[in-house]
Amino acid sequence: FTLAGKTSPLRLVDWQEGRGLFDSVVIANTEGAKRLPVR
């Protein structure tokens, strides 16, 4: 993405990795509530 942005009007302005990205979401179903990871 960095290299492609050097010759395009589109450019990479932010890139993040690691555990700081991790989150979760609670989903309700017939068995109750379930927490799923978003990683």
All heavy atoms as atom14 arrays in JSON, in Angstrom:
{
  "sequence": "FTLAGKTSPLRLVDWQEGRGLFDSVVIANTEGAKRLPVR",
  "atom14_mask": [
    [1, 1, 1, 1, 1, 1, 1, 1, 1, 1, 1, 0, 0, 0],
    [1, 1, 1, 1, 1, 1, 1, 0, 0, 0, 0, 0, 0, 0],
    [1, 1, 1, 1, 1, 1, 1, 1, 0, 0, 0, 0, 0, 0],
    [1, 1, 1, 1, 1, 0, 0, 0, 0, 0, 0, 0, 0, 0],
    [1, 1, 1, 1, 0, 0, 0, 0, 0, 0, 0, 0, 0, 0],
    [1, 1, 1, 1, 1, 1, 1, 1, 1, 0, 0, 0, 0, 0],
    [1, 1, 1, 1, 1, 1, 1, 0, 0, 0, 0, 0, 0, 0],
    [1, 1, 1, 1, 1, 1, 0, 0, 0, 0, 0, 0, 0, 0],
    [1, 1, 1, 1, 1, 1, 1, 0, 0, 0, 0, 0, 0, 0],
    [1, 1, 1, 1, 1, 1, 1, 1, 0, 0, 0, 0, 0, 0],
    [1, 1, 1, 1, 1, 1, 1, 1, 1, 1, 1, 0, 0, 0],
    [1, 1, 1, 1, 1, 1, 1, 1, 0, 0, 0, 0, 0, 0],
    [1, 1, 1, 1, 1, 1, 1, 0, 0, 0, 0, 0, 0, 0],
    [1, 1, 1, 1, 1, 1, 1, 1, 0, 0, 0, 0, 0, 0],
    [1, 1, 1, 1, 1, 1, 1, 1, 1, 1, 1, 1, 1, 1],
    [1, 1, 1, 1, 1, 1, 1, 1, 1, 0, 0, 0, 0, 0],
    [1, 1, 1, 1, 1, 1, 1, 1, 1, 0, 0, 0, 0, 0],
    [1, 1, 1, 1, 0, 0, 0, 0, 0, 0, 0, 0, 0, 0],
    [1, 1, 1, 1, 1, 1, 1, 1, 1, 1, 1, 0, 0, 0],
    [1, 1, 1, 1, 0, 0, 0, 0, 0, 0, 0, 0, 0, 0],
    [1, 1, 1, 1, 1, 1, 1, 1, 0, 0, 0, 0, 0, 0],
    [1, 1, 1, 1, 1, 1, 1, 1, 1, 1, 1, 0, 0, 0],
    [1, 1, 1, 1, 1, 1, 1, 1, 0, 0, 0, 0, 0, 0],
    [1, 1, 1, 1, 1, 1, 0, 0, 0, 0, 0, 0, 0, 0],
    [1, 1, 1, 1, 1, 1, 1, 0, 0, 0, 0, 0, 0, 0],
    [1, 1, 1, 1, 1, 1, 1, 0, 0, 0, 0, 0, 0, 0],
    [1, 1, 1, 1, 1, 1, 1, 1, 0, 0, 0, 0, 0, 0],
    [1, 1, 1, 1, 1, 0, 0, 0, 0, 0, 0, 0, 0, 0],
    [1, 1, 1, 1, 1, 1, 1, 1, 0, 0, 0, 0, 0, 0],
    [1, 1, 1, 1, 1, 1, 1, 0, 0, 0, 0, 0, 0, 0],
    [1, 1, 1, 1, 1, 1, 1, 1, 1, 0, 0, 0, 0, 0],
    [1, 1, 1, 1, 0, 0, 0, 0, 0, 0, 0, 0, 0, 0],
    [1, 1, 1, 1, 1, 0, 0, 0, 0, 0, 0, 0, 0, 0],
    [1, 1, 1, 1, 1, 1, 1, 1, 1, 0, 0, 0, 0, 0],
    [1, 1, 1, 1, 1, 1, 1, 1, 1, 1, 1, 0, 0, 0],
    [1, 1, 1, 1, 1, 1, 1, 1, 0, 0, 0, 0, 0, 0],
    [1, 1, 1, 1, 1, 1, 1, 0, 0, 0, 0, 0, 0, 0],
    [1, 1, 1, 1, 1, 1, 1, 0, 0, 0, 0, 0, 0, 0],
    [1, 1, 1, 1, 1, 1, 1, 1, 1, 1, 1, 0, 0, 0]
  ],
  "atom14_positions": [
    [[0.83, -1.21, 0.0], [0.0, 0.0, 0.0], [0.86, 1.26, 0.0], [0.53, 2.26, -0.64], [-0.94, -0.01, 1.2], [-2.16, -0.86, 1.02], [-2.36, -1.99, 1.8], [-3.11, -0.55, 0.05], [-3.48, -2.78, 1.63], [-4.24, -1.35, -0.13], [-4.42, -2.46, 0.66], [0.0, 0.0, 0.0], [0.0, 0.0, 0.0], [0.0, 0.0, 0.0]],
    [[1.98, 1.22, 0.7], [2.89, 2.35, 0.73], [3.49, 2.61, -0.65], [3.5, 3.75, -1.14], [4.01, 2.13, 1.75], [3.44, 1.93, 3.06], [4.95, 3.31, 1.8], [0.0, 0.0, 0.0], [0.0, 0.0, 0.0], [0.0, 0.0, 0.0], [0.0, 0.0, 0.0], [0.0, 0.0, 0.0], [0.0, 0.0, 0.0], [0.0, 0.0, 0.0]],
    [[3.97, 1.55, -1.3], [4.58, 1.7, -2.62], [3.56, 2.14, -3.67], [3.85, 3.01, -4.5], [5.23, 0.38, -3.04], [6.44, -0.08, -2.22], [6.92, -1.43, -2.71], [7.57, 0.94, -2.31], [0.0, 0.0, 0.0], [0.0, 0.0, 0.0], [0.0, 0.0, 0.0], [0.0, 0.0, 0.0], [0.0, 0.0, 0.0], [0.0, 0.0, 0.0]],
    [[2.37, 1.55, -3.65], [1.35, 1.89, -4.64], [0.94, 3.36, -4.51], [0.61, 4.01, -5.51], [0.13, 0.99, -4.47], [0.0, 0.0, 0.0], [0.0, 0.0, 0.0], [0.0, 0.0, 0.0], [0.0, 0.0, 0.0], [0.0, 0.0, 0.0], [0.0, 0.0, 0.0], [0.0, 0.0, 0.0], [0.0, 0.0, 0.0], [0.0, 0.0, 0.0]],
    [[0.97, 3.88, -3.3], [0.58, 5.27, -3.08], [1.56, 6.28, -3.63], [1.23, 7.47, -3.76], [0.0, 0.0, 0.0], [0.0, 0.0, 0.0], [0.0, 0.0, 0.0], [0.0, 0.0, 0.0], [0.0, 0.0, 0.0], [0.0, 0.0, 0.0], [0.0, 0.0, 0.0], [0.0, 0.0, 0.0], [0.0, 0.0, 0.0], [0.0, 0.0, 0.0]],
    [[2.75, 5.85, -3.99], [3.75, 6.76, -4.52], [3.44, 7.2, -5.95], [3.95, 8.22, -6.43], [5.14, 6.12, -4.46], [5.64, 5.91, -3.02], [7.04, 5.33, -3.0], [7.52, 5.09, -1.58], [7.6, 6.34, -0.79], [0.0, 0.0, 0.0], [0.0, 0.0, 0.0], [0.0, 0.0, 0.0], [0.0, 0.0, 0.0], [0.0, 0.0, 0.0]],
    [[2.61, 6.43, -6.66], [2.27, 6.76, -8.05], [0.77, 6.85, -8.25], [0.28, 6.68, -9.36], [2.86, 5.7, -9.0], [2.36, 4.41, -8.63], [4.38, 5.71, -8.95], [0.0, 0.0, 0.0], [0.0, 0.0, 0.0], [0.0, 0.0, 0.0], [0.0, 0.0, 0.0], [0.0, 0.0, 0.0], [0.0, 0.0, 0.0], [0.0, 0.0, 0.0]],
    [[0.02, 7.1, -7.18], [-1.44, 7.11, -7.24], [-1.98, 8.27, -6.41], [-1.34, 8.71, -5.45], [-1.98, 5.78, -6.7], [-3.38, 5.85, -6.5], [0.0, 0.0, 0.0], [0.0, 0.0, 0.0], [0.0, 0.0, 0.0], [0.0, 0.0, 0.0], [0.0, 0.0, 0.0], [0.0, 0.0, 0.0], [0.0, 0.0, 0.0], [0.0, 0.0, 0.0]],
    [[-3.16, 8.78, -6.76], [-3.81, 9.79, -5.91], [-4.31, 9.19, -4.6], [-4.71, 9.92, -3.69], [-4.97, 10.29, -6.77], [-5.26, 9.18, -7.72], [-3.92, 8.54, -8.0], [0.0, 0.0, 0.0], [0.0, 0.0, 0.0], [0.0, 0.0, 0.0], [0.0, 0.0, 0.0], [0.0, 0.0, 0.0], [0.0, 0.0, 0.0], [0.0, 0.0, 0.0]],
    [[-4.29, 7.87, -4.51], [-4.63, 7.18, -3.27], [-3.35, 6.93, -2.49], [-2.35, 6.49, -3.06], [-5.33, 5.85, -3.57], [-6.58, 5.92, -4.44], [-7.1, 4.52, -4.73], [-7.66, 6.77, -3.78], [0.0, 0.0, 0.0], [0.0, 0.0, 0.0], [0.0, 0.0, 0.0], [0.0, 0.0, 0.0], [0.0, 0.0, 0.0], [0.0, 0.0, 0.0]],
    [[-3.38, 7.17, -1.19], [-2.17, 6.95, -0.4], [-2.5, 6.45, 0.99], [-3.54, 6.79, 1.56], [-1.33, 8.22, -0.32], [-2.01, 9.4, 0.35], [-1.17, 10.66, 0.2], [-1.79, 11.78, 0.91], [-1.28, 12.37, 1.97], [-0.14, 11.95, 2.47], [-1.89, 13.38, 2.56], [0.0, 0.0, 0.0], [0.0, 0.0, 0.0], [0.0, 0.0, 0.0]],
    [[-1.61, 5.64, 1.5], [-1.75, 5.12, 2.86], [-1.35, 6.19, 3.85], [-0.23, 6.71, 3.8], [-0.85, 3.89, 3.02], [-0.87, 3.2, 4.39], [-2.19, 2.49, 4.62], [0.29, 2.2, 4.5], [0.0, 0.0, 0.0], [0.0, 0.0, 0.0], [0.0, 0.0, 0.0], [0.0, 0.0, 0.0], [0.0, 0.0, 0.0], [0.0, 0.0, 0.0]],
    [[-2.26, 6.54, 4.77], [-1.96, 7.58, 5.76], [-1.93, 7.05, 7.19], [-1.51, 7.77, 8.1], [-2.96, 8.75, 5.66], [-2.83, 9.47, 4.33], [-4.4, 8.28, 5.87], [0.0, 0.0, 0.0], [0.0, 0.0, 0.0], [0.0, 0.0, 0.0], [0.0, 0.0, 0.0], [0.0, 0.0, 0.0], [0.0, 0.0, 0.0], [0.0, 0.0, 0.0]],
    [[-2.34, 5.81, 7.38], [-2.28, 5.23, 8.72], [-2.24, 3.71, 8.6], [-2.94, 3.13, 7.77], [-3.49, 5.66, 9.57], [-3.41, 5.18, 11.01], [-2.28, 5.13, 11.56], [-4.45, 4.85, 11.6], [0.0, 0.0, 0.0], [0.0, 0.0, 0.0], [0.0, 0.0, 0.0], [0.0, 0.0, 0.0], [0.0, 0.0, 0.0], [0.0, 0.0, 0.0]],
    [[-1.42, 3.09, 9.45], [-1.32, 1.63, 9.5], [-1.04, 1.23, 10.93], [-0.1, 1.73, 11.55], [-0.21, 1.12, 8.59], [-0.09, -0.38, 8.57], [0.55, -1.17, 9.48], [-0.64, -1.26, 7.59], [0.45, -2.49, 9.13], [-0.28, -2.57, 7.98], [-1.38, -1.06, 6.44], [-0.66, -3.69, 7.23], [-1.76, -2.17, 5.7], [-1.4, -3.46, 6.09]],
    [[-1.86, 0.34, 11.48], [-1.69, -0.09, 12.87], [-1.8, -1.61, 12.95], [-2.58, -2.22, 12.23], [-2.75, 0.55, 13.77], [-2.72, 2.07, 13.8], [-3.77, 2.64, 14.72], [-3.96, 2.18, 15.85], [-4.47, 3.66, 14.24], [0.0, 0.0, 0.0], [0.0, 0.0, 0.0], [0.0, 0.0, 0.0], [0.0, 0.0, 0.0], [0.0, 0.0, 0.0]],
    [[-1.01, -2.19, 13.84], [-1.04, -3.62, 14.11], [-0.97, -3.84, 15.62], [-0.69, -2.92, 16.38], [0.15, -4.32, 13.46], [0.24, -4.2, 11.96], [1.54, -4.78, 11.44], [2.1, -5.7, 12.09], [2.04, -4.3, 10.4], [0.0, 0.0, 0.0], [0.0, 0.0, 0.0], [0.0, 0.0, 0.0], [0.0, 0.0, 0.0], [0.0, 0.0, 0.0]],
    [[-1.21, -5.09, 16.05], [-0.98, -5.45, 17.43], [-2.24, -5.59, 18.26], [-3.36, -5.41, 17.79], [0.0, 0.0, 0.0], [0.0, 0.0, 0.0], [0.0, 0.0, 0.0], [0.0, 0.0, 0.0], [0.0, 0.0, 0.0], [0.0, 0.0, 0.0], [0.0, 0.0, 0.0], [0.0, 0.0, 0.0], [0.0, 0.0, 0.0], [0.0, 0.0, 0.0]],
    [[-2.03, -5.9, 19.51], [-3.13, -6.19, 20.43], [-4.01, -4.98, 20.72], [-5.15, -5.12, 21.17], [-2.59, -6.76, 21.74], [-1.97, -8.15, 21.58], [-1.51, -8.72, 22.91], [-1.02, -10.08, 22.76], [-1.8, -11.16, 22.78], [-3.1, -11.01, 22.97], [-1.28, -12.36, 22.63], [0.0, 0.0, 0.0], [0.0, 0.0, 0.0], [0.0, 0.0, 0.0]],
    [[-3.47, -3.79, 20.47], [-4.27, -2.59, 20.68], [-5.47, -2.52, 19.76], [-6.42, -1.76, 20.03], [0.0, 0.0, 0.0], [0.0, 0.0, 0.0], [0.0, 0.0, 0.0], [0.0, 0.0, 0.0], [0.0, 0.0, 0.0], [0.0, 0.0, 0.0], [0.0, 0.0, 0.0], [0.0, 0.0, 0.0], [0.0, 0.0, 0.0], [0.0, 0.0, 0.0]],
    [[-5.47, -3.32, 18.69], [-6.6, -3.36, 17.77], [-7.74, -4.24, 18.28], [-8.87, -4.12, 17.83], [-6.16, -3.9, 16.41], [-5.0, -3.2, 15.7], [-4.76, -3.88, 14.35], [-5.27, -1.73, 15.5], [0.0, 0.0, 0.0], [0.0, 0.0, 0.0], [0.0, 0.0, 0.0], [0.0, 0.0, 0.0], [0.0, 0.0, 0.0], [0.0, 0.0, 0.0]],
    [[-7.43, -5.14, 19.19], [-8.38, -6.17, 19.58], [-9.58, -5.57, 20.32], [-9.44, -4.68, 21.16], [-7.72, -7.22, 20.47], [-6.67, -8.05, 19.78], [-5.97, -9.02, 20.47], [-6.39, -7.86, 18.43], [-5.01, -9.79, 19.84], [-5.43, -8.63, 17.78], [-4.74, -9.59, 18.5], [0.0, 0.0, 0.0], [0.0, 0.0, 0.0], [0.0, 0.0, 0.0]],
    [[-10.74, -6.1, 20.0], [-11.98, -5.69, 20.65], [-12.92, -6.9, 20.63], [-12.52, -8.0, 20.25], [-12.59, -4.5, 19.91], [-13.42, -3.6, 20.81], [-13.78, -4.04, 21.92], [-13.7, -2.46, 20.41], [0.0, 0.0, 0.0], [0.0, 0.0, 0.0], [0.0, 0.0, 0.0], [0.0, 0.0, 0.0], [0.0, 0.0, 0.0], [0.0, 0.0, 0.0]],
    [[-14.16, -6.68, 21.03], [-15.14, -7.77, 21.02], [-16.53, -7.18, 20.86], [-16.74, -5.97, 20.99], [-15.06, -8.59, 22.31], [-15.37, -7.78, 23.43], [0.0, 0.0, 0.0], [0.0, 0.0, 0.0], [0.0, 0.0, 0.0], [0.0, 0.0, 0.0], [0.0, 0.0, 0.0], [0.0, 0.0, 0.0], [0.0, 0.0, 0.0], [0.0, 0.0, 0.0]],
    [[-17.48, -8.04, 20.57], [-18.86, -7.62, 20.4], [-19.77, -8.7, 20.99], [-19.5, -9.89, 20.88], [-19.19, -7.39, 18.91], [-18.98, -8.65, 18.09], [-20.6, -6.87, 18.74], [0.0, 0.0, 0.0], [0.0, 0.0, 0.0], [0.0, 0.0, 0.0], [0.0, 0.0, 0.0], [0.0, 0.0, 0.0], [0.0, 0.0, 0.0], [0.0, 0.0, 0.0]],
    [[-20.82, -8.28, 21.66], [-21.78, -9.21, 22.25], [-22.94, -9.39, 21.3], [-23.55, -8.41, 20.84], [-22.28, -8.7, 23.61], [-23.36, -9.64, 24.17], [-21.12, -8.57, 24.59], [0.0, 0.0, 0.0], [0.0, 0.0, 0.0], [0.0, 0.0, 0.0], [0.0, 0.0, 0.0], [0.0, 0.0, 0.0], [0.0, 0.0, 0.0], [0.0, 0.0, 0.0]],
    [[-23.25, -10.65, 20.99], [-24.32, -10.98, 20.06], [-25.38, -11.81, 20.77], [-25.05, -12.79, 21.44], [-23.75, -11.75, 18.85], [-22.74, -10.87, 18.11], [-24.87, -12.19, 17.92], [-22.04, -11.59, 16.99], [0.0, 0.0, 0.0], [0.0, 0.0, 0.0], [0.0, 0.0, 0.0], [0.0, 0.0, 0.0], [0.0, 0.0, 0.0], [0.0, 0.0, 0.0]],
    [[-26.6, -11.41, 20.62], [-27.72, -12.16, 21.22], [-28.2, -13.22, 20.26], [-28.32, -13.0, 19.06], [-28.86, -11.21, 21.57], [0.0, 0.0, 0.0], [0.0, 0.0, 0.0], [0.0, 0.0, 0.0], [0.0, 0.0, 0.0], [0.0, 0.0, 0.0], [0.0, 0.0, 0.0], [0.0, 0.0, 0.0], [0.0, 0.0, 0.0], [0.0, 0.0, 0.0]],
    [[-28.45, -14.43, 20.78], [-29.01, -15.5, 19.97], [-30.02, -16.28, 20.8], [-30.36, -15.87, 21.92], [-27.9, -16.42, 19.43], [-27.03, -16.96, 20.55], [-27.51, -17.25, 21.65], [-25.74, -17.11, 20.28], [0.0, 0.0, 0.0], [0.0, 0.0, 0.0], [0.0, 0.0, 0.0], [0.0, 0.0, 0.0], [0.0, 0.0, 0.0], [0.0, 0.0, 0.0]],
    [[-30.5, -17.38, 20.26], [-31.55, -18.14, 20.95], [-31.07, -18.74, 22.26], [-31.86, -19.09, 23.12], [-32.05, -19.27, 20.03], [-30.95, -20.09, 19.64], [-32.73, -18.71, 18.8], [0.0, 0.0, 0.0], [0.0, 0.0, 0.0], [0.0, 0.0, 0.0], [0.0, 0.0, 0.0], [0.0, 0.0, 0.0], [0.0, 0.0, 0.0], [0.0, 0.0, 0.0]],
    [[-29.75, -18.85, 22.41], [-29.19, -19.42, 23.63], [-28.78, -18.35, 24.65], [-28.25, -18.66, 25.7], [-27.97, -20.28, 23.27], [-28.32, -21.44, 22.34], [-27.08, -22.22, 21.94], [-25.96, -21.8, 22.33], [-27.23, -23.25, 21.26], [0.0, 0.0, 0.0], [0.0, 0.0, 0.0], [0.0, 0.0, 0.0], [0.0, 0.0, 0.0], [0.0, 0.0, 0.0]],
    [[-29.02, -17.1, 24.28], [-28.64, -16.0, 25.17], [-27.66, -15.07, 24.5], [-27.75, -14.84, 23.29], [0.0, 0.0, 0.0], [0.0, 0.0, 0.0], [0.0, 0.0, 0.0], [0.0, 0.0, 0.0], [0.0, 0.0, 0.0], [0.0, 0.0, 0.0], [0.0, 0.0, 0.0], [0.0, 0.0, 0.0], [0.0, 0.0, 0.0], [0.0, 0.0, 0.0]],
    [[-26.72, -14.55, 25.26], [-25.74, -13.62, 24.72], [-24.39, -14.31, 24.58], [-24.0, -15.12, 25.41], [-25.61, -12.4, 25.63], [0.0, 0.0, 0.0], [0.0, 0.0, 0.0], [0.0, 0.0, 0.0], [0.0, 0.0, 0.0], [0.0, 0.0, 0.0], [0.0, 0.0, 0.0], [0.0, 0.0, 0.0], [0.0, 0.0, 0.0], [0.0, 0.0, 0.0]],
    [[-23.7, -13.97, 23.5], [-22.39, -14.56, 23.23], [-21.42, -13.45, 22.84], [-21.76, -12.58, 22.03], [-22.49, -15.58, 22.1], [-21.19, -16.28, 21.76], [-21.4, -17.31, 20.65], [-20.11, -18.05, 20.33], [-20.3, -19.05, 19.24], [0.0, 0.0, 0.0], [0.0, 0.0, 0.0], [0.0, 0.0, 0.0], [0.0, 0.0, 0.0], [0.0, 0.0, 0.0]],
    [[-20.24, -13.46, 23.42], [-19.22, -12.46, 23.08], [-18.26, -13.05, 22.04], [-17.68, -14.1, 22.23], [-18.45, -12.04, 24.32], [-17.42, -10.93, 24.06], [-16.76, -10.46, 25.34], [-17.69, -9.82, 26.23], [-18.04, -8.54, 26.17], [-17.51, -7.77, 25.22], [-18.9, -8.03, 27.03], [0.0, 0.0, 0.0], [0.0, 0.0, 0.0], [0.0, 0.0, 0.0]],
    [[-18.11, -12.32, 20.93], [-17.22, -12.74, 19.85], [-16.04, -11.78, 19.76], [-16.2, -10.57, 19.91], [-17.96, -12.76, 18.51], [-19.12, -13.75, 18.37], [-19.74, -13.61, 16.98], [-18.65, -15.17, 18.6], [0.0, 0.0, 0.0], [0.0, 0.0, 0.0], [0.0, 0.0, 0.0], [0.0, 0.0, 0.0], [0.0, 0.0, 0.0], [0.0, 0.0, 0.0]],
    [[-14.86, -12.3, 19.49], [-13.68, -11.43, 19.35], [-13.68, -10.71, 18.0], [-14.17, -11.23, 17.0], [-12.52, -12.41, 19.45], [-13.08, -13.69, 18.93], [-14.52, -13.73, 19.36], [0.0, 0.0, 0.0], [0.0, 0.0, 0.0], [0.0, 0.0, 0.0], [0.0, 0.0, 0.0], [0.0, 0.0, 0.0], [0.0, 0.0, 0.0], [0.0, 0.0, 0.0]],
    [[-13.13, -9.52, 17.99], [-12.85, -8.77, 16.77], [-11.35, -8.5, 16.8], [-10.88, -7.64, 17.54], [-13.65, -7.46, 16.7], [-13.25, -6.65, 15.47], [-15.14, -7.74, 16.7], [0.0, 0.0, 0.0], [0.0, 0.0, 0.0], [0.0, 0.0, 0.0], [0.0, 0.0, 0.0], [0.0, 0.0, 0.0], [0.0, 0.0, 0.0], [0.0, 0.0, 0.0]],
    [[-10.59, -9.26, 16.01], [-9.13, -9.2, 16.09], [-8.51, -9.11, 14.69], [-8.02, -10.1, 14.15], [-8.58, -10.42, 16.82], [-9.03, -10.48, 18.29], [-8.37, -11.63, 19.02], [-8.71, -11.61, 20.44], [-8.23, -12.46, 21.34], [-7.4, -13.41, 20.95], [-8.59, -12.37, 22.6], [0.0, 0.0, 0.0], [0.0, 0.0, 0.0], [0.0, 0.0, 0.0]]
  ]
}
